[in-house]
Each structure stands twice: as structure tokens, then as C-alpha cells.
Amino acid sequence: MKILDGFQSRIALAMAGKNPWGNSSGDSSDGGDRSDAPNGGDGEGSKPKGPRNPWLPQGGGDGPRRSASIDDIFKNRGPEGPRRGSGGPGGPNFRMPERPGGKSWIPLIVIVVLAIWCLVTSFHLIGPQQKAVVKTLGNYTRTLDSGLKFTAPFPIETIEIEDVEGVRAVTIPSNRANAKLILTGDQNLVDLSYIVRWNIKNLEQFKFRLAEPEETVSEVAEAAMRATVAEKTLDETFSGQGRAEIEQAVRERMQRVLDSYRAGINVLGVEIDKADPPSEVVDAFRDVSVAEQNADAARNQARGYAQQVIANAQGEAQAFDKVYEEYRLAPEVTRRRIYYETMERVLGETDKTIVEADGVTPYLPLPEVNRRRSTVTPPPAAPSATTTQGGQ
């Protein structure tokens, strides 16, 4: 109950406009009323009745009250901590070093930095195979050749250097594992991969006429290849001569289209890297190729046999013509000669020999005699006289 009475009294004092925490020494903000002090308020250094005011400095009401102003808290503090003096680098009196004569170094430093910046961004070394385009405030103004060139400093003038003589290559398709099927003139599909080589012909047109130069080259090459292959058959696409014709035609088509775009690109050449049937029918295509090769071999063999027969017939015809000419000159002699040659050719292959003469056996078994003679073993040879004398 005493605690409640104390709170009630403090509430009453607060409602009356007085300090419910008591008066600190030297504090007369309550108008000099000391009635709430202990012992009737006689004594300025007496402690206030009740608990200590939490907003007063440590030590009760003996010292002056500290200000809660943010400016007062941070006015003596800096990035390095509390400022203990006015002469340090973080103090309020810090000053930059001065030149002789009392002038500042800052203008001179700014001038040197600007001079270095202008020197670095104004001189450009362009290689022997390179050219550069110059843009003044973002607009194209001129083209620079190779060598040491001078321009206005950045950002007034900017420069872009490109290799104009170097050969660039575009592979279609970019991933060779992917199939690029193209329809031929005889309604067949062929898987083609090819390489397009090009360089820059006009740097101004190359930089400012096309948004994506390499992508444009790839698309124009694909369109030209499809249009050219559509004019060829499948066999022509696979043959060496047909592929060379396709490469030349594609290069010419690409150059015409790019020149119409004013792309500033020169197509150096097109090379077909692979020309195969689709992977789904490659086995059947190989079987067909083997069958065609076998058919070609059979046709070549038949042509060779026909040429041999014709050559033999022509030789026999020429021989007959020569014999006929001799027969016209001497019919009897030629007739007898032909008879003898014919009989010799016919009887030469038989085993019987017939001799038509008086007192001679009509049939002589000469082949059998010759056969028996070949089967009879020869007698051993007699020792020579030299060997006998040597043995003695």
C-alpha cells in the first residue's frame, strides 16, 4: 500500500506540473518549490526523494544534465574516432600541401591527368592488316588505314579497329553431329556440311550496314546452297566434278546477294566438307551403291569380252581377205596349200598314223611305240676306263 501511495503522489506531482523524480542540486526548474524535499526542503544539497532520474548523468543529481542533441554527440567525432586535437589529418583545420607562393596543387594535378588522358586516347596504332572507323560523338566520320593515327580524345571521338584482310570461316552446321538435310533436284535428301571463308571488303559497310554480319553470312550461305543443290541430282552431288560445280555456284550466289545488301563482305570460297545420305537410310544406300558397283563391273566385263570377240573376228576376216587375194592369183596352188594345212591341223591331234603306199603296212602304231619307248628304263651306264684305272 505504501508503494501505491508513492506512485499516486508522483502522478499527482506530474499532473501539477512538478518533477515527480525530485529536484537535483542547482536545478530550479520547479520555480523554487522545495516542499517535496526531505526535512521540509531545508538544504540545497539534500538528495531528492524517490528513485534516481534515469535521464540524468551517472551519480544521481550531483552533476549538470547532459544534452541529448545529435549534433552535440557527433560534433567531436569523425571516421577516425573522437577528435582529440585540431591539428590532425581528420581535424577541422586539415589543409592540402601548398606550392611555393601559397598556391594549391589541385589545378596542376587536374591539368596533368587531362594531358595524360588526351595522350592515351588520341594516338592509335593500327596493324598492317587492319583498318579503323572513327565516330565523332557517336556518328561515323572517316576510316583510318594502318599506321600511327591521331584522333580527338575520348569521348569526343571513338575508334573501332577490325582485321580486314584476315580470312574468317563459318561452318554450317556449327555442330557437325547435327544433320543438315538438303533436297536435290531428283527428290532425294543429302546430308551436307560445308565451310564458307570470307573477309571484309568495305569496313564502313561491314560495321554499319549489318547488325549481325556472321549470322547474315551463315543464312545467305544456307539459302545459296539449297538453291544450288536443288538444281543437281544425287549422283552429281556425290561426284567430285558435281561438288566442284556446286561450290563455285554457291560462292557466286552468295557474292551477288551480299553485294545487293551492301554488306562489305568478300566471299573467298565454299568447301563441301561432307556429302552423305541421311543416317536413317545409310545402310540401304550402301547396299544400292554396292549393287551399282557390281553392275558396273559386269558391264565392263561384258564390254571387254565383246571387244575381244570383235577383234578376233576382224583378224580372221583380214586373214581370209589375204588368202583370197592369193587364191585369185594361183587357184590350184592355193587350194592344195589350204588342203594340206587343214589336214595337218586335223590329223595332228589324233593317235593314229595311216600311210598310203605299196608294200607298207597301212596302219603303224607309232604313238604306242613312242609311249613304250618312254616307259622303258635305260640300262645303267658302263664304268669308264678312267674310273677303272683309278680304282686299281
Protein backbone atom coordinates (compact mmCIF):
# COMPACT_ATOMS: atom_id res chain seq x y z
CA MET A 1 0.00 0.00 0.00
CA LYS A 2 2.94 2.33 0.74
CA ILE A 3 4.30 1.67 -2.77
CA LEU A 4 0.95 2.54 -4.30
CA ASP A 5 0.79 5.72 -2.19
CA GLY A 6 4.22 6.71 -3.53
CA PHE A 7 3.14 6.23 -7.16
CA GLN A 8 -0.07 8.17 -6.53
CA SER A 9 1.89 11.09 -5.10
CA ARG A 10 4.23 11.15 -8.08
CA ILE A 11 1.34 11.05 -10.52
CA ALA A 12 -0.23 13.95 -8.67
CA LEU A 13 3.01 15.93 -8.88
CA ALA A 14 3.29 15.23 -12.61
CA MET A 15 -0.29 16.42 -13.16
CA ALA A 16 0.51 19.56 -11.18
CA GLY A 17 3.49 20.32 -13.46
CA LYS A 18 6.21 19.40 -10.96
CA ASN A 19 9.10 16.92 -11.31
CA PRO A 20 7.96 13.58 -9.89
CA TRP A 21 11.62 12.44 -9.56
CA GLY A 22 12.67 15.19 -7.21
CA ASN A 23 15.00 18.14 -7.77
CA SER A 24 18.69 17.82 -8.43
CA SER A 25 21.15 20.21 -6.81
CA GLY A 26 21.23 23.54 -8.58
CA ASP A 27 18.08 22.75 -10.63
CA SER A 28 15.43 25.40 -10.07
CA SER A 29 13.13 24.50 -12.94
CA ASP A 30 10.31 23.83 -10.47
CA GLY A 31 10.07 27.52 -9.51
CA GLY A 32 11.91 27.26 -6.15
CA ASP A 33 9.35 24.98 -4.57
CA ARG A 34 11.22 22.75 -2.13
CA SER A 35 8.19 21.36 -0.35
CA ASP A 36 8.80 17.86 -1.77
CA ALA A 37 12.36 17.71 -0.50
CA PRO A 38 13.06 15.72 2.66
CA ASN A 39 13.24 17.55 6.00
CA GLY A 40 10.95 20.28 4.75
CA GLY A 41 13.18 21.35 1.92
CA ASP A 42 15.92 22.98 4.00
CA GLY A 43 19.25 22.16 2.41
CA GLU A 44 20.18 22.59 -1.22
CA GLY A 45 22.47 19.57 -1.34
CA SER A 46 19.92 17.14 0.03
CA LYS A 47 19.11 14.19 -2.20
CA PRO A 48 15.77 14.08 -3.95
CA LYS A 49 13.06 11.88 -2.58
CA GLY A 50 12.34 8.72 -4.58
CA PRO A 51 14.32 6.83 -7.26
CA ARG A 52 17.02 8.45 -9.39
CA ASN A 53 16.02 10.10 -12.68
CA PRO A 54 17.30 7.75 -15.45
CA TRP A 55 17.88 10.71 -17.80
CA LEU A 56 20.45 12.33 -15.53
CA PRO A 57 24.21 11.58 -15.71
CA GLN A 58 25.74 8.84 -13.61
CA GLY A 59 25.99 9.84 -9.98
CA GLY A 60 22.48 10.98 -9.33
CA GLY A 61 21.69 14.65 -9.37
CA ASP A 62 25.16 15.89 -8.38
CA GLY A 63 26.31 16.97 -11.92
CA PRO A 64 24.80 19.02 -14.73
CA ARG A 65 22.39 17.27 -17.03
CA ARG A 66 23.93 16.07 -20.40
CA SER A 67 22.31 17.25 -23.62
CA ALA A 68 20.69 14.61 -25.82
CA SER A 69 21.29 16.60 -29.07
CA ILE A 70 22.62 14.53 -32.04
CA ASP A 71 24.85 17.42 -33.12
CA ASP A 72 26.45 17.57 -29.69
CA ILE A 73 27.08 13.83 -29.75
CA PHE A 74 28.84 13.72 -33.18
CA LYS A 75 30.46 17.15 -33.40
CA ASN A 76 33.69 15.85 -31.85
CA ARG A 77 33.70 12.52 -33.66
CA GLY A 78 34.97 11.57 -37.11
CA PRO A 79 35.88 8.47 -39.22
CA GLU A 80 38.99 8.01 -37.09
CA GLY A 81 37.12 8.20 -33.76
CA PRO A 82 36.97 11.04 -31.19
CA ARG A 83 38.97 14.07 -32.27
CA ARG A 84 41.46 14.90 -29.61
CA GLY A 85 43.03 17.87 -31.34
CA SER A 86 42.56 20.32 -34.14
CA GLY A 87 45.85 19.71 -35.97
CA GLY A 88 45.46 16.08 -37.09
CA PRO A 89 44.58 14.91 -40.60
CA GLY A 90 40.99 14.42 -39.59
CA GLY A 91 40.71 17.66 -37.68
CA PRO A 92 38.69 20.63 -38.74
CA ASN A 93 41.81 22.58 -39.71
CA PHE A 94 43.31 19.98 -42.18
CA ARG A 95 44.68 21.61 -45.37
CA MET A 96 46.30 20.28 -48.59
CA PRO A 97 50.02 20.91 -49.10
CA GLU A 98 50.67 24.15 -50.94
CA ARG A 99 53.10 25.09 -53.70
CA PRO A 100 55.73 27.73 -53.19
CA GLY A 101 53.89 31.02 -53.22
CA GLY A 102 50.86 29.67 -51.39
CA LYS A 103 49.05 28.29 -54.42
CA SER A 104 47.21 24.94 -54.44
CA TRP A 105 48.44 21.79 -56.23
CA ILE A 106 44.92 20.73 -57.29
CA PRO A 107 44.74 22.68 -60.62
CA LEU A 108 48.15 21.39 -61.65
CA ILE A 109 47.18 17.78 -60.85
CA VAL A 110 43.96 18.13 -62.87
CA ILE A 111 45.89 19.51 -65.85
CA VAL A 112 48.41 16.64 -65.77
CA VAL A 113 45.65 14.00 -65.57
CA LEU A 114 43.80 15.57 -68.51
CA ALA A 115 47.01 15.72 -70.56
CA ILE A 116 47.73 12.02 -69.94
CA TRP A 117 44.12 11.12 -70.79
CA CYS A 118 44.29 13.06 -74.07
CA LEU A 119 47.61 11.46 -74.96
CA VAL A 120 46.39 7.92 -74.28
CA THR A 121 43.06 8.25 -76.08
CA SER A 122 44.24 10.31 -79.06
CA PHE A 123 47.07 8.19 -80.54
CA HIS A 124 46.24 4.79 -82.07
CA LEU A 125 48.49 2.15 -83.65
CA ILE A 126 46.69 0.25 -86.42
CA GLY A 127 48.22 -3.01 -87.68
CA PRO A 128 49.20 -3.74 -91.30
CA GLN A 129 46.11 -5.95 -91.93
CA GLN A 130 43.75 -3.68 -90.03
CA LYS A 131 41.59 -0.63 -90.59
CA ALA A 132 39.59 1.51 -88.19
CA VAL A 133 36.38 3.51 -88.28
CA VAL A 134 36.16 6.80 -86.37
CA LYS A 135 32.93 8.02 -84.79
CA THR A 136 32.59 11.62 -83.65
CA LEU A 137 30.02 11.92 -80.87
CA GLY A 138 28.55 8.58 -82.00
CA ASN A 139 28.35 9.36 -85.75
CA TYR A 140 30.65 7.84 -88.38
CA THR A 141 33.10 10.36 -89.83
CA ARG A 142 36.03 8.57 -91.53
CA THR A 143 38.06 5.38 -92.00
CA LEU A 144 41.72 5.10 -91.00
CA ASP A 145 44.31 2.90 -92.71
CA SER A 146 47.16 1.08 -91.00
CA GLY A 147 49.83 3.06 -89.16
CA LEU A 148 50.06 5.50 -86.24
CA LYS A 149 46.95 7.72 -86.34
CA PHE A 150 45.72 10.70 -84.29
CA THR A 151 42.13 11.42 -83.27
CA ALA A 152 40.35 13.68 -80.83
CA PRO A 153 40.38 12.33 -77.27
CA PHE A 154 37.66 10.13 -75.88
CA PRO A 155 34.69 10.62 -75.63
CA ILE A 156 34.73 13.21 -78.42
CA GLU A 157 35.94 10.64 -80.96
CA THR A 158 35.89 6.85 -80.58
CA ILE A 159 37.68 4.31 -82.76
CA GLU A 160 36.91 0.69 -83.66
CA ILE A 161 39.69 -1.43 -85.22
CA GLU A 162 38.97 -4.51 -87.38
CA ASP A 163 41.11 -7.04 -89.25
CA VAL A 164 40.04 -6.61 -92.88
CA GLU A 165 42.48 -8.99 -94.61
CA GLY A 166 42.29 -11.95 -92.25
CA VAL A 167 40.31 -14.96 -93.50
CA ARG A 168 37.23 -15.79 -91.42
CA ALA A 169 35.38 -19.09 -91.62
CA VAL A 170 31.79 -20.10 -90.92
CA THR A 171 30.99 -23.82 -90.53
CA ILE A 172 27.46 -24.93 -91.44
CA PRO A 173 26.10 -26.60 -89.42
CA SER A 174 28.07 -25.29 -86.45
CA ASN A 175 27.82 -28.70 -84.76
CA ARG A 176 28.83 -31.43 -87.20
CA ALA A 177 26.89 -34.00 -85.20
CA ASN A 178 23.69 -32.33 -86.39
CA ALA A 179 22.37 -33.26 -89.83
CA LYS A 180 21.74 -30.57 -92.45
CA LEU A 181 19.37 -32.25 -94.92
CA ILE A 182 19.02 -30.62 -98.35
CA LEU A 183 16.67 -31.70 -101.15
CA THR A 184 18.28 -32.47 -104.52
CA GLY A 185 16.79 -31.99 -107.95
CA ASP A 186 15.76 -35.69 -108.23
CA GLN A 187 13.79 -35.55 -104.95
CA ASN A 188 16.45 -37.11 -102.72
CA LEU A 189 17.82 -35.93 -99.40
CA VAL A 190 21.52 -35.41 -98.83
CA ASP A 191 23.31 -34.51 -95.59
CA LEU A 192 25.72 -31.67 -96.36
CA SER A 193 28.21 -29.85 -94.16
CA TYR A 194 30.36 -27.10 -95.66
CA ILE A 195 32.70 -24.24 -94.75
CA VAL A 196 32.43 -20.65 -96.03
CA ARG A 197 35.57 -18.49 -95.97
CA TRP A 198 35.27 -14.70 -96.23
CA ASN A 199 36.89 -11.40 -95.27
CA ILE A 200 35.96 -7.72 -95.09
CA LYS A 201 35.86 -5.78 -98.36
CA ASN A 202 34.43 -2.46 -97.13
CA LEU A 203 34.80 -1.72 -93.41
CA GLU A 204 32.27 1.12 -93.33
CA GLN A 205 29.52 -1.04 -94.84
CA PHE A 206 30.51 -4.02 -92.69
CA LYS A 207 30.21 -2.02 -89.45
CA PHE A 208 27.08 0.00 -90.14
CA ARG A 209 25.01 -1.94 -92.72
CA LEU A 210 24.61 -5.28 -90.92
CA ALA A 211 23.54 -5.86 -87.35
CA GLU A 212 24.96 -9.43 -87.19
CA PRO A 213 27.49 -9.93 -90.04
CA GLU A 214 28.44 -13.54 -89.24
CA GLU A 215 24.83 -14.60 -88.84
CA THR A 216 23.99 -12.92 -92.15
CA VAL A 217 26.82 -14.79 -93.91
CA SER A 218 25.56 -18.09 -92.47
CA GLU A 219 21.97 -17.51 -93.58
CA VAL A 220 22.95 -16.35 -97.08
CA ALA A 221 25.24 -19.39 -97.47
CA GLU A 222 22.48 -21.79 -96.47
CA ALA A 223 20.00 -20.21 -98.89
CA ALA A 224 22.53 -20.31 -101.74
CA MET A 225 23.45 -23.94 -101.02
CA ARG A 226 19.81 -25.10 -101.02
CA ALA A 227 19.11 -23.27 -104.28
CA THR A 228 22.19 -24.77 -105.97
CA VAL A 229 21.72 -28.37 -104.76
CA ALA A 230 18.10 -28.24 -105.94
CA GLU A 231 19.49 -27.97 -109.50
CA LYS A 232 21.67 -31.10 -109.18
CA THR A 233 20.93 -34.81 -108.93
CA LEU A 234 22.03 -37.02 -106.06
CA ASP A 235 24.80 -38.65 -108.10
CA GLU A 236 26.15 -35.25 -109.17
CA THR A 237 26.19 -34.14 -105.54
CA PHE A 238 28.33 -37.13 -104.56
CA SER A 239 30.71 -36.95 -107.52
CA GLY A 240 33.85 -34.84 -107.43
CA GLN A 241 33.03 -32.78 -110.50
CA GLY A 242 29.48 -32.10 -109.29
CA ARG A 243 30.73 -30.93 -105.89
CA ALA A 244 33.19 -28.54 -107.51
CA GLU A 245 30.38 -27.06 -109.63
CA ILE A 246 28.18 -26.68 -106.54
CA GLU A 247 30.93 -24.90 -104.60
CA GLN A 248 31.54 -22.42 -107.41
CA ALA A 249 27.83 -21.73 -107.93
CA VAL A 250 27.23 -21.19 -104.18
CA ARG A 251 30.11 -18.70 -103.94
CA GLU A 252 28.78 -16.67 -106.88
CA ARG A 253 25.21 -16.67 -105.50
CA MET A 254 26.42 -15.54 -102.07
CA GLN A 255 28.51 -12.71 -103.51
CA ARG A 256 25.58 -11.38 -105.54
CA VAL A 257 23.24 -11.40 -102.53
CA LEU A 258 25.77 -9.78 -100.16
CA ASP A 259 26.59 -7.10 -102.71
CA SER A 260 22.90 -6.31 -103.01
CA TYR A 261 22.81 -5.91 -99.20
CA ARG A 262 25.90 -3.65 -99.38
CA ALA A 263 27.38 -5.81 -96.66
CA GLY A 264 31.03 -5.04 -97.43
CA ILE A 265 31.92 -8.78 -97.39
CA ASN A 266 34.04 -10.67 -99.92
CA VAL A 267 33.33 -14.43 -100.22
CA LEU A 268 36.64 -16.19 -100.79
CA GLY A 269 35.35 -19.73 -101.28
CA VAL A 270 32.99 -22.52 -100.28
CA GLU A 271 34.22 -26.02 -99.43
CA ILE A 272 31.91 -29.02 -99.05
CA ASP A 273 33.25 -30.99 -96.11
CA LYS A 274 30.78 -33.88 -96.10
CA ALA A 275 28.12 -35.17 -98.51
CA ASP A 276 26.36 -38.28 -97.19
CA PRO A 277 22.89 -39.77 -97.36
CA PRO A 278 20.66 -39.37 -94.29
CA SER A 279 21.66 -41.56 -91.35
CA GLU A 280 18.28 -43.33 -91.41
CA VAL A 281 18.86 -44.78 -94.91
CA VAL A 282 22.64 -45.02 -94.96
CA ASP A 283 22.60 -48.87 -94.84
CA ALA A 284 20.17 -49.13 -97.74
CA PHE A 285 22.16 -46.53 -99.65
CA ARG A 286 25.33 -48.58 -99.19
CA ASP A 287 23.58 -51.69 -100.48
CA VAL A 288 22.43 -49.79 -103.53
CA SER A 289 25.95 -48.47 -104.07
CA VAL A 290 27.41 -52.00 -103.86
CA ALA A 291 24.81 -53.27 -106.33
CA GLU A 292 25.58 -50.44 -108.73
CA GLN A 293 29.30 -51.18 -108.47
CA ASN A 294 28.68 -54.87 -109.20
CA ALA A 295 26.51 -53.95 -112.17
CA ASP A 296 29.21 -51.63 -113.47
CA ALA A 297 31.80 -54.41 -113.10
CA ALA A 298 29.59 -56.86 -115.02
CA ARG A 299 29.01 -54.33 -117.77
CA ASN A 300 32.72 -53.64 -118.06
CA GLN A 301 33.46 -57.39 -118.25
CA ALA A 302 30.84 -57.85 -120.99
CA ARG A 303 32.25 -54.93 -122.93
CA GLY A 304 35.75 -56.42 -122.69
CA TYR A 305 34.58 -59.83 -123.96
CA ALA A 306 32.68 -58.22 -126.81
CA GLN A 307 35.73 -56.21 -127.82
CA GLN A 308 37.87 -59.40 -127.75
CA VAL A 309 35.43 -61.34 -129.95
CA ILE A 310 35.16 -58.46 -132.36
CA ALA A 311 38.93 -58.16 -132.54
CA ASN A 312 39.31 -61.91 -133.29
CA ALA A 313 36.64 -61.76 -135.96
CA GLN A 314 38.26 -58.76 -137.56
CA GLY A 315 41.64 -60.56 -137.56
CA GLU A 316 40.17 -63.65 -139.18
CA ALA A 317 38.41 -61.52 -141.76
CA GLN A 318 41.65 -59.75 -142.65
CA ALA A 319 43.44 -63.15 -142.93
CA PHE A 320 40.69 -64.50 -145.20
CA ASP A 321 40.97 -61.42 -147.40
CA LYS A 322 44.70 -62.01 -147.80
CA VAL A 323 44.16 -65.70 -148.66
CA TYR A 324 41.50 -64.81 -151.17
CA GLU A 325 43.86 -62.43 -152.93
CA GLU A 326 46.46 -65.21 -153.21
CA TYR A 327 43.78 -67.64 -154.40
CA ARG A 328 42.86 -65.30 -157.24
CA LEU A 329 46.47 -65.25 -158.40
CA ALA A 330 47.05 -69.08 -158.22
CA PRO A 331 43.86 -71.04 -157.54
CA GLU A 332 45.30 -74.57 -157.73
CA VAL A 333 48.34 -73.95 -155.60
CA THR A 334 46.31 -72.10 -153.03
CA ARG A 335 43.70 -74.83 -152.92
CA ARG A 336 46.34 -77.56 -152.34
CA ARG A 337 48.05 -75.47 -149.67
CA ILE A 338 44.80 -74.94 -147.84
CA TYR A 339 44.10 -78.68 -148.01
CA TYR A 340 47.49 -79.62 -146.58
CA GLU A 341 47.23 -77.10 -143.79
CA THR A 342 43.76 -78.30 -142.87
CA MET A 343 44.73 -81.97 -142.83
CA GLU A 344 47.82 -81.20 -140.78
CA ARG A 345 45.75 -79.35 -138.25
CA VAL A 346 43.13 -82.10 -138.05
CA LEU A 347 45.38 -85.18 -138.05
CA GLY A 348 47.92 -83.61 -135.74
CA GLU A 349 45.57 -84.14 -132.81
CA THR A 350 44.95 -87.95 -133.39
CA ASP A 351 46.92 -91.01 -132.16
CA LYS A 352 46.68 -92.95 -135.46
CA THR A 353 49.02 -92.70 -138.44
CA ILE A 354 47.93 -94.00 -141.87
CA VAL A 355 50.43 -94.35 -144.69
CA GLU A 356 49.08 -94.96 -148.21
CA ALA A 357 51.96 -96.63 -150.09
CA ASP A 358 52.56 -100.00 -151.80
CA GLY A 359 54.30 -102.62 -149.69
CA VAL A 360 53.85 -100.69 -146.41
CA THR A 361 51.56 -101.65 -143.57
CA PRO A 362 48.61 -99.31 -143.79
CA TYR A 363 48.49 -98.73 -140.01
CA LEU A 364 51.50 -98.01 -137.91
CA PRO A 365 51.00 -97.77 -134.11
CA LEU A 366 53.60 -95.07 -133.84
CA PRO A 367 52.07 -93.32 -130.78
CA GLU A 368 52.04 -96.62 -128.83
CA VAL A 369 55.64 -97.33 -129.78
CA ASN A 370 56.67 -93.91 -128.62
CA ARG A 371 54.80 -94.43 -125.36
CA ARG A 372 56.51 -97.77 -124.70
CA ARG A 373 59.89 -96.29 -125.52
CA SER A 374 59.36 -93.55 -122.95
CA THR A 375 58.39 -96.09 -120.25
CA VAL A 376 61.42 -98.40 -120.74
CA THR A 377 64.14 -97.57 -118.22
CA PRO A 378 67.57 -97.01 -119.75
CA PRO A 379 70.36 -99.57 -118.83
CA PRO A 380 72.95 -98.44 -116.31
CA ALA A 381 75.96 -96.78 -117.85
CA ALA A 382 79.23 -98.82 -118.02
CA PRO A 383 82.11 -97.54 -115.87
CA SER A 384 84.61 -95.56 -117.80
CA ALA A 385 88.21 -96.61 -118.31
CA THR A 386 89.48 -93.72 -116.24
CA THR A 387 87.45 -94.80 -113.24
CA THR A 388 88.71 -98.42 -113.57
CA GLN A 389 92.33 -97.36 -113.67
CA GLY A 390 91.83 -95.10 -110.67
CA GLY A 391 90.29 -97.96 -108.69
CA GLN A 392 93.27 -100.22 -109.41
